[in-house]
Amino acid sequence: MTETARPEPFLIADDRALDLLNSVAAPWGSEIEWLGDGRDLLAWLERAGTVPPDVSTRFREQTSPEALDEVAAESRELREWFRAFVAAHAGRRLDPLALADLDKINRLLGGDETYRQIEPRALEARDTGGSSFQWRRHRRWRSPEDLLLPIAEAMGDLICQADFERVKNCESPTCTLWFHDVSKNHTRRWCSMAVCGNRAKAAAHRAKKRSGR
């Protein structure tokens, strides 16, 4: 699918794993798939900031379309597996017994190759004091299957660091988008005001006018 055939990905969830769940949606009636093939997957990962641009360029130029498409199919399967996990546990604290359901993620991450290097801190960060250097983690991208690693890592971050009580589905009855409610009072209701919030406000306004008549 060409980039002009669809909007930009919905990176509105305040969490990359939930953004992945939102990489297929039907915000205007017709389903949009952002991970339809290998090039789609690379574009989404780069847009989400989980794969460096030079890495995605290398995979585009040096990997066969068939191999990339196979990984994209695996990413869609992983996404739908995780959607079922999130739907089963959202809105309440994760039970430690849920670990039994997470073997898929741990097996993926078991093949990861990452390492840390010392690098200079950004100039503006150095101006605030402290060390002139920082740790930065890198990954050895050896095969197309490694593209699944940042996805699995994002899922692990959600599981280990986020409050699952604040993982919510948009309240619009026809919306499938998920988000992590990090609002101050935890009162976020919509995937976004642009997609569903304004629709709800407009519907409420029409209903009020009808009741007034």
N, C-alpha and C. Protein backbone atom coordinates (compact mmCIF):
# COMPACT_ATOMS: atom_id res chain seq x y z
N MET A 1 0.85 -1.19 0.00
CA MET A 1 0.00 0.00 0.00
C MET A 1 0.88 1.24 0.00
N THR A 2 0.55 2.22 -0.80
CA THR A 2 1.35 3.42 -0.88
C THR A 2 1.01 4.34 0.28
N GLU A 3 1.99 5.20 0.61
CA GLU A 3 1.79 6.11 1.73
C GLU A 3 0.64 7.06 1.47
N THR A 4 0.35 7.42 0.17
CA THR A 4 -0.71 8.36 -0.13
C THR A 4 -2.08 7.72 -0.02
N ALA A 5 -2.16 6.38 0.10
CA ALA A 5 -3.45 5.70 0.16
C ALA A 5 -4.04 5.67 1.56
N ARG A 6 -3.34 6.19 2.54
CA ARG A 6 -3.82 6.14 3.91
C ARG A 6 -3.21 7.28 4.70
N PRO A 7 -3.80 7.59 5.84
CA PRO A 7 -3.23 8.65 6.68
C PRO A 7 -1.98 8.17 7.40
N GLU A 8 -1.35 9.08 8.10
CA GLU A 8 -0.23 8.72 8.96
C GLU A 8 -0.70 7.75 10.04
N PRO A 9 0.18 6.90 10.55
CA PRO A 9 -0.23 5.99 11.63
C PRO A 9 -0.75 6.75 12.83
N PHE A 10 -1.67 6.12 13.55
CA PHE A 10 -2.22 6.71 14.76
C PHE A 10 -1.28 6.42 15.93
N LEU A 11 -0.36 7.31 16.19
CA LEU A 11 0.57 7.17 17.32
C LEU A 11 0.05 8.06 18.45
N ILE A 12 -1.09 7.67 18.98
CA ILE A 12 -1.83 8.52 19.92
C ILE A 12 -2.05 7.84 21.27
N ALA A 13 -1.46 6.65 21.46
CA ALA A 13 -1.81 5.84 22.62
C ALA A 13 -0.99 6.16 23.86
N ASP A 14 0.05 7.01 23.73
CA ASP A 14 0.99 7.24 24.83
C ASP A 14 1.67 5.95 25.26
N ASP A 15 1.80 5.03 24.33
CA ASP A 15 2.51 3.78 24.57
C ASP A 15 2.70 3.09 23.22
N ARG A 16 3.94 2.65 22.94
CA ARG A 16 4.23 2.09 21.63
C ARG A 16 3.56 0.74 21.40
N ALA A 17 3.43 -0.08 22.44
CA ALA A 17 2.76 -1.36 22.25
C ALA A 17 1.29 -1.17 21.91
N LEU A 18 0.64 -0.20 22.53
CA LEU A 18 -0.75 0.09 22.21
C LEU A 18 -0.86 0.76 20.85
N ASP A 19 0.14 1.58 20.48
CA ASP A 19 0.16 2.13 19.12
C ASP A 19 0.18 1.00 18.10
N LEU A 20 0.90 -0.08 18.41
CA LEU A 20 0.93 -1.21 17.51
C LEU A 20 -0.47 -1.81 17.34
N LEU A 21 -1.21 -1.95 18.43
CA LEU A 21 -2.58 -2.46 18.31
C LEU A 21 -3.41 -1.56 17.41
N ASN A 22 -3.10 -0.28 17.42
CA ASN A 22 -3.85 0.69 16.61
C ASN A 22 -3.36 0.77 15.17
N SER A 23 -2.43 -0.13 14.80
CA SER A 23 -1.92 -0.11 13.41
C SER A 23 -2.87 -0.78 12.44
N VAL A 24 -4.01 -1.23 12.91
CA VAL A 24 -5.13 -1.60 12.05
C VAL A 24 -6.36 -1.00 12.70
N ALA A 25 -7.15 -0.27 11.93
CA ALA A 25 -8.30 0.44 12.49
C ALA A 25 -9.23 0.84 11.36
N ALA A 26 -10.45 1.21 11.74
CA ALA A 26 -11.43 1.67 10.76
C ALA A 26 -12.04 2.98 11.24
N PRO A 27 -11.24 4.04 11.37
CA PRO A 27 -11.74 5.29 11.96
C PRO A 27 -12.81 5.97 11.14
N TRP A 28 -12.85 5.70 9.83
CA TRP A 28 -13.86 6.33 8.97
C TRP A 28 -14.71 5.30 8.25
N GLY A 29 -14.81 4.11 8.84
CA GLY A 29 -15.67 3.09 8.26
C GLY A 29 -14.93 1.96 7.58
N SER A 30 -13.97 2.27 6.72
CA SER A 30 -13.20 1.25 6.01
C SER A 30 -11.92 0.94 6.77
N GLU A 31 -11.59 -0.34 6.87
CA GLU A 31 -10.41 -0.74 7.62
C GLU A 31 -9.13 -0.28 6.94
N ILE A 32 -8.22 0.24 7.75
CA ILE A 32 -6.90 0.66 7.28
C ILE A 32 -5.87 -0.23 7.97
N GLU A 33 -4.98 -0.82 7.18
CA GLU A 33 -3.92 -1.68 7.70
C GLU A 33 -2.58 -1.03 7.43
N TRP A 34 -1.84 -0.71 8.50
CA TRP A 34 -0.54 -0.07 8.35
C TRP A 34 0.61 -1.07 8.28
N LEU A 35 0.33 -2.34 8.46
CA LEU A 35 1.38 -3.37 8.42
C LEU A 35 1.07 -4.40 7.33
N GLY A 36 0.59 -3.92 6.20
CA GLY A 36 0.13 -4.82 5.17
C GLY A 36 1.22 -5.65 4.52
N ASP A 37 2.44 -5.11 4.42
CA ASP A 37 3.55 -5.86 3.85
C ASP A 37 4.84 -5.41 4.51
N GLY A 38 5.97 -5.94 4.02
CA GLY A 38 7.24 -5.65 4.66
C GLY A 38 7.62 -4.18 4.64
N ARG A 39 7.37 -3.52 3.52
CA ARG A 39 7.70 -2.10 3.46
C ARG A 39 6.79 -1.28 4.38
N ASP A 40 5.55 -1.70 4.50
CA ASP A 40 4.66 -1.05 5.46
C ASP A 40 5.21 -1.18 6.87
N LEU A 41 5.67 -2.39 7.21
CA LEU A 41 6.21 -2.62 8.55
C LEU A 41 7.40 -1.71 8.82
N LEU A 42 8.32 -1.64 7.86
CA LEU A 42 9.49 -0.77 8.04
C LEU A 42 9.07 0.68 8.21
N ALA A 43 8.11 1.13 7.39
CA ALA A 43 7.65 2.52 7.48
C ALA A 43 7.03 2.79 8.85
N TRP A 44 6.23 1.83 9.35
CA TRP A 44 5.59 2.04 10.65
C TRP A 44 6.63 2.07 11.77
N LEU A 45 7.57 1.12 11.75
CA LEU A 45 8.59 1.07 12.80
C LEU A 45 9.44 2.34 12.81
N GLU A 46 9.77 2.83 11.62
CA GLU A 46 10.57 4.05 11.55
C GLU A 46 9.75 5.25 12.04
N ARG A 47 8.49 5.32 11.62
CA ARG A 47 7.64 6.43 12.04
C ARG A 47 7.41 6.41 13.55
N ALA A 48 7.35 5.21 14.12
CA ALA A 48 7.14 5.08 15.56
C ALA A 48 8.41 5.30 16.36
N GLY A 49 9.55 5.44 15.67
CA GLY A 49 10.81 5.71 16.35
C GLY A 49 11.43 4.49 17.00
N THR A 50 11.06 3.29 16.55
CA THR A 50 11.60 2.08 17.16
C THR A 50 12.70 1.43 16.33
N VAL A 51 12.86 1.87 15.10
CA VAL A 51 13.95 1.40 14.24
C VAL A 51 14.62 2.61 13.62
N PRO A 52 15.95 2.73 13.73
CA PRO A 52 16.64 3.90 13.15
C PRO A 52 16.47 3.95 11.63
N PRO A 53 16.41 5.14 11.05
CA PRO A 53 16.22 5.26 9.60
C PRO A 53 17.28 4.52 8.79
N ASP A 54 18.54 4.52 9.24
CA ASP A 54 19.58 3.83 8.47
C ASP A 54 19.37 2.33 8.48
N VAL A 55 18.79 1.80 9.55
CA VAL A 55 18.51 0.37 9.62
C VAL A 55 17.37 0.00 8.68
N SER A 56 16.30 0.78 8.69
CA SER A 56 15.19 0.49 7.79
C SER A 56 15.61 0.62 6.34
N THR A 57 16.47 1.60 6.03
CA THR A 57 16.97 1.74 4.66
C THR A 57 17.78 0.52 4.25
N ARG A 58 18.60 0.03 5.13
CA ARG A 58 19.42 -1.15 4.82
C ARG A 58 18.54 -2.37 4.55
N PHE A 59 17.50 -2.56 5.37
CA PHE A 59 16.62 -3.70 5.13
C PHE A 59 15.86 -3.54 3.81
N ARG A 60 15.45 -2.33 3.48
CA ARG A 60 14.75 -2.13 2.21
C ARG A 60 15.65 -2.48 1.02
N GLU A 61 16.91 -2.10 1.13
CA GLU A 61 17.82 -2.26 0.00
C GLU A 61 18.43 -3.65 -0.08
N GLN A 62 18.59 -4.34 1.05
CA GLN A 62 19.35 -5.58 1.06
C GLN A 62 18.54 -6.83 1.36
N THR A 63 17.24 -6.67 1.62
CA THR A 63 16.41 -7.82 1.97
C THR A 63 15.34 -8.01 0.91
N SER A 64 15.06 -9.23 0.56
CA SER A 64 14.05 -9.50 -0.46
C SER A 64 12.67 -9.10 0.02
N PRO A 65 11.80 -8.63 -0.87
CA PRO A 65 10.42 -8.29 -0.47
C PRO A 65 9.71 -9.47 0.18
N GLU A 66 9.99 -10.69 -0.30
CA GLU A 66 9.33 -11.86 0.26
C GLU A 66 9.70 -12.06 1.73
N ALA A 67 10.99 -11.89 2.05
CA ALA A 67 11.42 -12.05 3.44
C ALA A 67 10.81 -10.98 4.34
N LEU A 68 10.74 -9.75 3.85
CA LEU A 68 10.13 -8.67 4.64
C LEU A 68 8.64 -8.91 4.82
N ASP A 69 7.98 -9.39 3.76
CA ASP A 69 6.54 -9.66 3.86
C ASP A 69 6.26 -10.75 4.89
N GLU A 70 7.15 -11.72 4.97
CA GLU A 70 6.98 -12.80 5.95
C GLU A 70 7.06 -12.26 7.37
N VAL A 71 8.01 -11.35 7.60
CA VAL A 71 8.12 -10.74 8.94
C VAL A 71 6.91 -9.87 9.22
N ALA A 72 6.40 -9.17 8.21
CA ALA A 72 5.21 -8.35 8.42
C ALA A 72 4.02 -9.22 8.83
N ALA A 73 3.91 -10.39 8.21
CA ALA A 73 2.84 -11.32 8.59
C ALA A 73 3.01 -11.76 10.04
N GLU A 74 4.26 -12.02 10.45
CA GLU A 74 4.52 -12.39 11.83
C GLU A 74 4.18 -11.25 12.78
N SER A 75 4.45 -10.02 12.35
CA SER A 75 4.15 -8.87 13.22
C SER A 75 2.64 -8.72 13.39
N ARG A 76 1.87 -8.98 12.34
CA ARG A 76 0.41 -8.91 12.46
C ARG A 76 -0.11 -10.00 13.40
N GLU A 77 0.47 -11.19 13.29
CA GLU A 77 0.07 -12.28 14.18
C GLU A 77 0.42 -11.93 15.64
N LEU A 78 1.61 -11.36 15.85
CA LEU A 78 2.02 -10.95 17.20
C LEU A 78 1.10 -9.86 17.73
N ARG A 79 0.73 -8.93 16.87
CA ARG A 79 -0.17 -7.84 17.25
C ARG A 79 -1.52 -8.38 17.73
N GLU A 80 -2.09 -9.31 16.98
CA GLU A 80 -3.41 -9.81 17.35
C GLU A 80 -3.35 -10.70 18.59
N TRP A 81 -2.24 -11.42 18.76
CA TRP A 81 -2.07 -12.16 20.01
C TRP A 81 -2.03 -11.19 21.19
N PHE A 82 -1.29 -10.10 21.05
CA PHE A 82 -1.17 -9.14 22.14
C PHE A 82 -2.48 -8.39 22.36
N ARG A 83 -3.25 -8.18 21.30
CA ARG A 83 -4.55 -7.53 21.46
C ARG A 83 -5.45 -8.37 22.40
N ALA A 84 -5.41 -9.69 22.20
CA ALA A 84 -6.21 -10.55 23.06
C ALA A 84 -5.73 -10.47 24.51
N PHE A 85 -4.41 -10.41 24.71
CA PHE A 85 -3.86 -10.30 26.06
C PHE A 85 -4.31 -8.99 26.71
N VAL A 86 -4.18 -7.88 25.97
CA VAL A 86 -4.55 -6.57 26.52
C VAL A 86 -6.04 -6.54 26.83
N ALA A 87 -6.86 -7.04 25.91
CA ALA A 87 -8.31 -7.03 26.14
C ALA A 87 -8.69 -7.84 27.37
N ALA A 88 -7.95 -8.91 27.63
CA ALA A 88 -8.25 -9.77 28.78
C ALA A 88 -7.85 -9.14 30.11
N HIS A 89 -6.86 -8.23 30.09
CA HIS A 89 -6.31 -7.72 31.35
C HIS A 89 -6.49 -6.22 31.55
N ALA A 90 -6.90 -5.48 30.54
CA ALA A 90 -7.00 -4.02 30.66
C ALA A 90 -7.99 -3.64 31.75
N GLY A 91 -7.67 -2.53 32.42
CA GLY A 91 -8.57 -1.98 33.42
C GLY A 91 -8.35 -2.49 34.83
N ARG A 92 -7.39 -3.40 35.00
CA ARG A 92 -7.09 -3.88 36.35
C ARG A 92 -5.60 -4.22 36.43
N ARG A 93 -5.14 -4.33 37.65
CA ARG A 93 -3.73 -4.63 37.86
C ARG A 93 -3.41 -6.03 37.34
N LEU A 94 -2.25 -6.15 36.69
CA LEU A 94 -1.86 -7.44 36.14
C LEU A 94 -1.57 -8.44 37.27
N ASP A 95 -2.16 -9.60 37.15
CA ASP A 95 -1.91 -10.68 38.11
C ASP A 95 -0.59 -11.35 37.76
N PRO A 96 0.25 -11.67 38.75
CA PRO A 96 1.51 -12.37 38.46
C PRO A 96 1.30 -13.66 37.67
N LEU A 97 0.14 -14.27 37.79
CA LEU A 97 -0.13 -15.51 37.06
C LEU A 97 -0.18 -15.28 35.56
N ALA A 98 -0.29 -14.00 35.14
CA ALA A 98 -0.31 -13.70 33.70
C ALA A 98 1.03 -14.03 33.04
N LEU A 99 2.07 -14.23 33.84
CA LEU A 99 3.37 -14.57 33.28
C LEU A 99 3.29 -15.81 32.39
N ALA A 100 2.40 -16.73 32.72
CA ALA A 100 2.28 -17.95 31.93
C ALA A 100 1.86 -17.66 30.50
N ASP A 101 1.24 -16.51 30.27
CA ASP A 101 0.77 -16.15 28.93
C ASP A 101 1.81 -15.37 28.13
N LEU A 102 2.96 -15.08 28.73
CA LEU A 102 3.92 -14.16 28.11
C LEU A 102 5.13 -14.86 27.52
N ASP A 103 5.05 -16.16 27.39
CA ASP A 103 6.20 -16.90 26.86
C ASP A 103 6.56 -16.46 25.45
N LYS A 104 5.57 -16.07 24.65
CA LYS A 104 5.84 -15.65 23.28
C LYS A 104 6.80 -14.46 23.25
N ILE A 105 6.57 -13.48 24.14
CA ILE A 105 7.44 -12.31 24.19
C ILE A 105 8.84 -12.69 24.68
N ASN A 106 8.90 -13.48 25.75
CA ASN A 106 10.20 -13.84 26.30
C ASN A 106 11.03 -14.67 25.32
N ARG A 107 10.38 -15.53 24.55
CA ARG A 107 11.12 -16.32 23.56
C ARG A 107 11.70 -15.41 22.47
N LEU A 108 10.92 -14.43 22.05
CA LEU A 108 11.43 -13.48 21.06
C LEU A 108 12.63 -12.71 21.61
N LEU A 109 12.50 -12.18 22.81
CA LEU A 109 13.56 -11.36 23.39
C LEU A 109 14.79 -12.19 23.74
N GLY A 110 14.61 -13.49 23.89
CA GLY A 110 15.75 -14.35 24.19
C GLY A 110 16.76 -14.40 23.06
N GLY A 111 16.37 -14.03 21.85
CA GLY A 111 17.31 -14.00 20.73
C GLY A 111 17.87 -12.63 20.43
N ASP A 112 17.62 -11.66 21.32
CA ASP A 112 18.07 -10.29 21.07
C ASP A 112 19.57 -10.15 21.29
N GLU A 113 20.19 -9.25 20.53
CA GLU A 113 21.60 -8.91 20.73
C GLU A 113 21.72 -7.40 20.86
N THR A 114 21.85 -6.95 22.09
CA THR A 114 22.03 -5.52 22.33
C THR A 114 23.31 -5.30 23.12
N TYR A 115 23.81 -4.09 23.02
CA TYR A 115 25.01 -3.74 23.76
C TYR A 115 24.97 -2.24 24.03
N ARG A 116 25.77 -1.80 25.01
CA ARG A 116 25.82 -0.38 25.36
C ARG A 116 27.18 0.20 24.98
N GLN A 117 27.15 1.48 24.62
CA GLN A 117 28.38 2.21 24.35
C GLN A 117 28.33 3.58 25.01
N ILE A 118 29.52 4.10 25.30
CA ILE A 118 29.63 5.43 25.88
C ILE A 118 29.62 6.45 24.75
N GLU A 119 28.73 7.44 24.86
CA GLU A 119 28.62 8.46 23.83
C GLU A 119 28.46 9.82 24.49
N PRO A 120 28.78 10.91 23.78
CA PRO A 120 28.61 12.24 24.36
C PRO A 120 27.14 12.56 24.59
N ARG A 121 26.86 13.24 25.67
CA ARG A 121 25.52 13.76 25.89
C ARG A 121 25.28 14.93 24.95
N ALA A 122 24.01 15.20 24.68
CA ALA A 122 23.67 16.36 23.87
C ALA A 122 24.16 17.63 24.56
N LEU A 123 24.52 18.64 23.77
CA LEU A 123 25.10 19.87 24.31
C LEU A 123 24.18 20.51 25.34
N GLU A 124 22.87 20.55 25.05
CA GLU A 124 21.95 21.19 26.00
C GLU A 124 21.87 20.41 27.30
N ALA A 125 22.03 19.07 27.23
CA ALA A 125 22.03 18.26 28.46
C ALA A 125 23.30 18.51 29.26
N ARG A 126 24.43 18.70 28.56
CA ARG A 126 25.69 18.97 29.26
C ARG A 126 25.64 20.30 29.99
N ASP A 127 24.89 21.24 29.44
CA ASP A 127 24.79 22.56 30.04
C ASP A 127 24.10 22.53 31.40
N THR A 128 23.33 21.47 31.66
CA THR A 128 22.62 21.38 32.94
C THR A 128 23.48 20.76 34.04
N GLY A 129 24.71 20.42 33.70
CA GLY A 129 25.61 19.83 34.69
C GLY A 129 25.70 18.32 34.55
N GLY A 130 26.54 17.72 35.37
CA GLY A 130 26.71 16.28 35.31
C GLY A 130 27.74 15.86 34.27
N SER A 131 27.77 14.58 33.99
CA SER A 131 28.76 14.03 33.07
C SER A 131 28.55 14.51 31.64
N SER A 132 29.66 14.57 30.89
CA SER A 132 29.59 14.92 29.47
C SER A 132 29.23 13.70 28.62
N PHE A 133 29.13 12.52 29.25
CA PHE A 133 28.89 11.29 28.51
C PHE A 133 27.65 10.56 29.03
N GLN A 134 27.17 9.64 28.22
CA GLN A 134 26.01 8.85 28.60
C GLN A 134 26.11 7.46 27.99
N TRP A 135 25.36 6.52 28.58
CA TRP A 135 25.21 5.22 27.96
C TRP A 135 24.18 5.31 26.84
N ARG A 136 24.43 4.59 25.76
CA ARG A 136 23.42 4.43 24.73
C ARG A 136 23.39 2.98 24.29
N ARG A 137 22.21 2.44 24.24
CA ARG A 137 22.07 1.04 23.87
C ARG A 137 21.91 0.90 22.35
N HIS A 138 22.58 -0.09 21.80
CA HIS A 138 22.50 -0.39 20.37
C HIS A 138 22.05 -1.84 20.19
N ARG A 139 21.59 -2.15 18.99
CA ARG A 139 21.17 -3.51 18.67
C ARG A 139 21.86 -3.95 17.39
N ARG A 140 22.31 -5.19 17.36
CA ARG A 140 22.84 -5.77 16.13
C ARG A 140 21.68 -6.31 15.31
N TRP A 141 21.39 -5.66 14.19
CA TRP A 141 20.28 -6.06 13.34
C TRP A 141 20.81 -7.06 12.31
N ARG A 142 20.66 -8.33 12.60
CA ARG A 142 21.29 -9.36 11.77
C ARG A 142 20.34 -9.94 10.73
N SER A 143 19.04 -9.95 10.97
CA SER A 143 18.11 -10.58 10.04
C SER A 143 16.77 -9.84 10.08
N PRO A 144 15.91 -10.03 9.08
CA PRO A 144 14.61 -9.36 9.09
C PRO A 144 13.79 -9.69 10.33
N GLU A 145 13.97 -10.90 10.88
CA GLU A 145 13.21 -11.28 12.07
C GLU A 145 13.54 -10.38 13.26
N ASP A 146 14.70 -9.73 13.23
CA ASP A 146 15.07 -8.83 14.32
C ASP A 146 14.13 -7.62 14.39
N LEU A 147 13.39 -7.37 13.32
CA LEU A 147 12.43 -6.26 13.34
C LEU A 147 11.31 -6.50 14.34
N LEU A 148 11.11 -7.74 14.74
CA LEU A 148 10.10 -8.05 15.74
C LEU A 148 10.57 -7.70 17.15
N LEU A 149 11.88 -7.53 17.34
CA LEU A 149 12.42 -7.32 18.68
C LEU A 149 11.95 -6.01 19.32
N PRO A 150 11.99 -4.87 18.61
CA PRO A 150 11.49 -3.65 19.26
C PRO A 150 10.00 -3.72 19.56
N ILE A 151 9.26 -4.51 18.78
CA ILE A 151 7.84 -4.70 19.07
C ILE A 151 7.67 -5.47 20.37
N ALA A 152 8.40 -6.58 20.49
CA ALA A 152 8.33 -7.38 21.72
C ALA A 152 8.79 -6.57 22.92
N GLU A 153 9.82 -5.75 22.73
CA GLU A 153 10.34 -4.93 23.82
C GLU A 153 9.31 -3.89 24.26
N ALA A 154 8.60 -3.30 23.30
CA ALA A 154 7.56 -2.33 23.65
C ALA A 154 6.44 -3.01 24.43
N MET A 155 6.10 -4.23 24.04
CA MET A 155 5.09 -4.97 24.79
C MET A 155 5.56 -5.23 26.21
N GLY A 156 6.84 -5.60 26.36
CA GLY A 156 7.39 -5.82 27.69
C GLY A 156 7.39 -4.56 28.53
N ASP A 157 7.68 -3.42 27.90
CA ASP A 157 7.66 -2.15 28.63
C ASP A 157 6.25 -1.86 29.16
N LEU A 158 5.24 -2.11 28.32
CA LEU A 158 3.86 -1.87 28.77
C LEU A 158 3.53 -2.78 29.95
N ILE A 159 3.90 -4.03 29.85
CA ILE A 159 3.59 -5.01 30.90
C ILE A 159 4.32 -4.68 32.20
N CYS A 160 5.58 -4.28 32.09
CA CYS A 160 6.41 -4.10 33.29
C CYS A 160 6.38 -2.70 33.87
N GLN A 161 6.05 -1.70 33.08
CA GLN A 161 6.20 -0.32 33.54
C GLN A 161 4.89 0.46 33.58
N ALA A 162 3.89 0.05 32.82
CA ALA A 162 2.65 0.82 32.77
C ALA A 162 1.66 0.30 33.81
N ASP A 163 0.70 1.13 34.15
CA ASP A 163 -0.39 0.76 35.03
C ASP A 163 -1.51 0.21 34.17
N PHE A 164 -1.73 -1.10 34.22
CA PHE A 164 -2.75 -1.72 33.36
C PHE A 164 -4.15 -1.26 33.72
N GLU A 165 -4.32 -0.71 34.90
CA GLU A 165 -5.62 -0.14 35.25
C GLU A 165 -5.93 1.08 34.38
N ARG A 166 -4.89 1.67 33.79
CA ARG A 166 -5.09 2.86 32.95
C ARG A 166 -5.03 2.54 31.46
N VAL A 167 -5.00 1.27 31.12
CA VAL A 167 -5.07 0.86 29.72
C VAL A 167 -6.54 0.81 29.33
N LYS A 168 -6.91 1.61 28.36
CA LYS A 168 -8.32 1.77 28.03
C LYS A 168 -8.58 1.66 26.53
N ASN A 169 -9.80 1.27 26.23
CA ASN A 169 -10.31 1.31 24.86
C ASN A 169 -11.10 2.60 24.71
N CYS A 170 -11.03 3.22 23.55
CA CYS A 170 -11.81 4.44 23.31
C CYS A 170 -13.28 4.17 23.60
N GLU A 171 -13.97 5.16 24.18
CA GLU A 171 -15.37 4.98 24.57
C GLU A 171 -16.34 5.07 23.42
N SER A 172 -15.87 5.51 22.26
CA SER A 172 -16.77 5.52 21.11
C SER A 172 -17.19 4.09 20.79
N PRO A 173 -18.48 3.83 20.62
CA PRO A 173 -18.94 2.44 20.45
C PRO A 173 -18.43 1.76 19.20
N THR A 174 -17.99 2.52 18.22
CA THR A 174 -17.50 1.91 16.98
C THR A 174 -15.98 1.96 16.85
N CYS A 175 -15.29 2.47 17.87
CA CYS A 175 -13.83 2.65 17.79
C CYS A 175 -13.11 1.47 18.42
N THR A 176 -12.04 1.05 17.79
CA THR A 176 -11.24 -0.07 18.31
C THR A 176 -9.90 0.37 18.88
N LEU A 177 -9.63 1.66 18.92
CA LEU A 177 -8.31 2.15 19.31
C LEU A 177 -8.11 2.09 20.83
N TRP A 178 -6.85 1.77 21.20
CA TRP A 178 -6.46 1.65 22.60
C TRP A 178 -5.54 2.82 22.99
N PHE A 179 -5.46 3.08 24.29
CA PHE A 179 -4.51 4.09 24.77
C PHE A 179 -4.20 3.83 26.24
N HIS A 180 -3.09 4.41 26.70
CA HIS A 180 -2.70 4.39 28.11
C HIS A 180 -3.04 5.76 28.67
N ASP A 181 -3.96 5.81 29.60
CA ASP A 181 -4.45 7.08 30.13
C ASP A 181 -3.43 7.66 31.11
N VAL A 182 -2.65 8.63 30.63
CA VAL A 182 -1.67 9.30 31.47
C VAL A 182 -2.12 10.71 31.81
N SER A 183 -3.41 11.00 31.58
CA SER A 183 -3.92 12.32 31.92
C SER A 183 -3.87 12.52 33.43
N LYS A 184 -3.87 13.77 33.86
CA LYS A 184 -3.64 14.10 35.28
C LYS A 184 -4.62 13.40 36.19
N ASN A 185 -5.90 13.41 35.84
CA ASN A 185 -6.93 12.82 36.70
C ASN A 185 -7.42 11.48 36.16
N HIS A 186 -6.72 10.94 35.17
CA HIS A 186 -7.08 9.65 34.57
C HIS A 186 -8.52 9.66 34.05
N THR A 187 -8.86 10.75 33.35
CA THR A 187 -10.23 10.89 32.85
C THR A 187 -10.30 10.87 31.33
N ARG A 188 -9.23 10.48 30.68
CA ARG A 188 -9.26 10.42 29.21
C ARG A 188 -10.29 9.40 28.76
N ARG A 189 -11.11 9.78 27.77
CA ARG A 189 -12.19 8.90 27.30
C ARG A 189 -12.03 8.49 25.85
N TRP A 190 -11.34 9.33 25.07
CA TRP A 190 -11.32 9.12 23.63
C TRP A 190 -9.91 8.81 23.13
N CYS A 191 -9.84 8.09 22.02
CA CYS A 191 -8.54 7.85 21.39
C CYS A 191 -7.89 9.18 21.07
N SER A 192 -8.67 10.10 20.51
CA SER A 192 -8.21 11.47 20.28
C SER A 192 -9.43 12.34 20.06
N MET A 193 -9.30 13.62 20.33
CA MET A 193 -10.41 14.52 20.07
C MET A 193 -10.68 14.61 18.58
N ALA A 194 -9.63 14.56 17.76
CA ALA A 194 -9.81 14.70 16.32
C ALA A 194 -10.59 13.54 15.72
N VAL A 195 -10.36 12.32 16.23
CA VAL A 195 -11.01 11.15 15.63
C VAL A 195 -12.37 10.89 16.24
N CYS A 196 -12.45 10.78 17.56
CA CYS A 196 -13.72 10.39 18.20
C CYS A 196 -14.28 11.45 19.15
N GLY A 197 -13.43 12.22 19.79
CA GLY A 197 -13.92 13.20 20.76
C GLY A 197 -14.85 14.22 20.14
N ASN A 198 -14.46 14.77 19.00
CA ASN A 198 -15.30 15.76 18.34
C ASN A 198 -16.60 15.16 17.84
N ARG A 199 -16.56 13.91 17.41
CA ARG A 199 -17.79 13.25 16.99
C ARG A 199 -18.76 13.13 18.16
N ALA A 200 -18.22 12.74 19.32
CA ALA A 200 -19.08 12.59 20.49
C ALA A 200 -19.67 13.93 20.91
N LYS A 201 -18.85 14.98 20.86
CA LYS A 201 -19.35 16.31 21.22
C LYS A 201 -20.45 16.75 20.26
N ALA A 202 -20.23 16.50 18.96
CA ALA A 202 -21.23 16.89 17.96
C ALA A 202 -22.52 16.10 18.15
N ALA A 203 -22.40 14.80 18.45
CA ALA A 203 -23.59 13.98 18.67
C ALA A 203 -24.35 14.45 19.90
N ALA A 204 -23.61 14.79 20.97
CA ALA A 204 -24.26 15.27 22.19
C ALA A 204 -24.96 16.60 21.93
N HIS A 205 -24.35 17.45 21.12
CA HIS A 205 -24.96 18.74 20.79
C HIS A 205 -26.24 18.55 20.00
N ARG A 206 -26.22 17.62 19.02
CA ARG A 206 -27.44 17.36 18.24
C ARG A 206 -28.54 16.80 19.11
N ALA A 207 -28.17 15.89 20.03
CA ALA A 207 -29.17 15.32 20.92
C ALA A 207 -29.78 16.37 21.84
N LYS A 208 -28.94 17.30 22.30
CA LYS A 208 -29.47 18.37 23.17
C LYS A 208 -30.43 19.28 22.42
N LYS A 209 -30.10 19.56 21.15
CA LYS A 209 -30.99 20.41 20.35
C LYS A 209 -32.32 19.71 20.11
N ARG A 210 -32.27 18.38 19.84
CA ARG A 210 -33.50 17.65 19.60
C ARG A 210 -34.37 17.62 20.85
N SER A 211 -33.74 17.40 22.02
CA SER A 211 -34.51 17.37 23.26
C SER A 211 -35.09 18.74 23.58
N GLY A 212 -34.37 19.78 23.18
CA GLY A 212 -34.87 21.14 23.42
C GLY A 212 -36.11 21.45 22.61
N ARG A 213 -36.15 20.87 21.39
CA ARG A 213 -37.34 21.09 20.57
C ARG A 213 -38.54 20.29 21.11
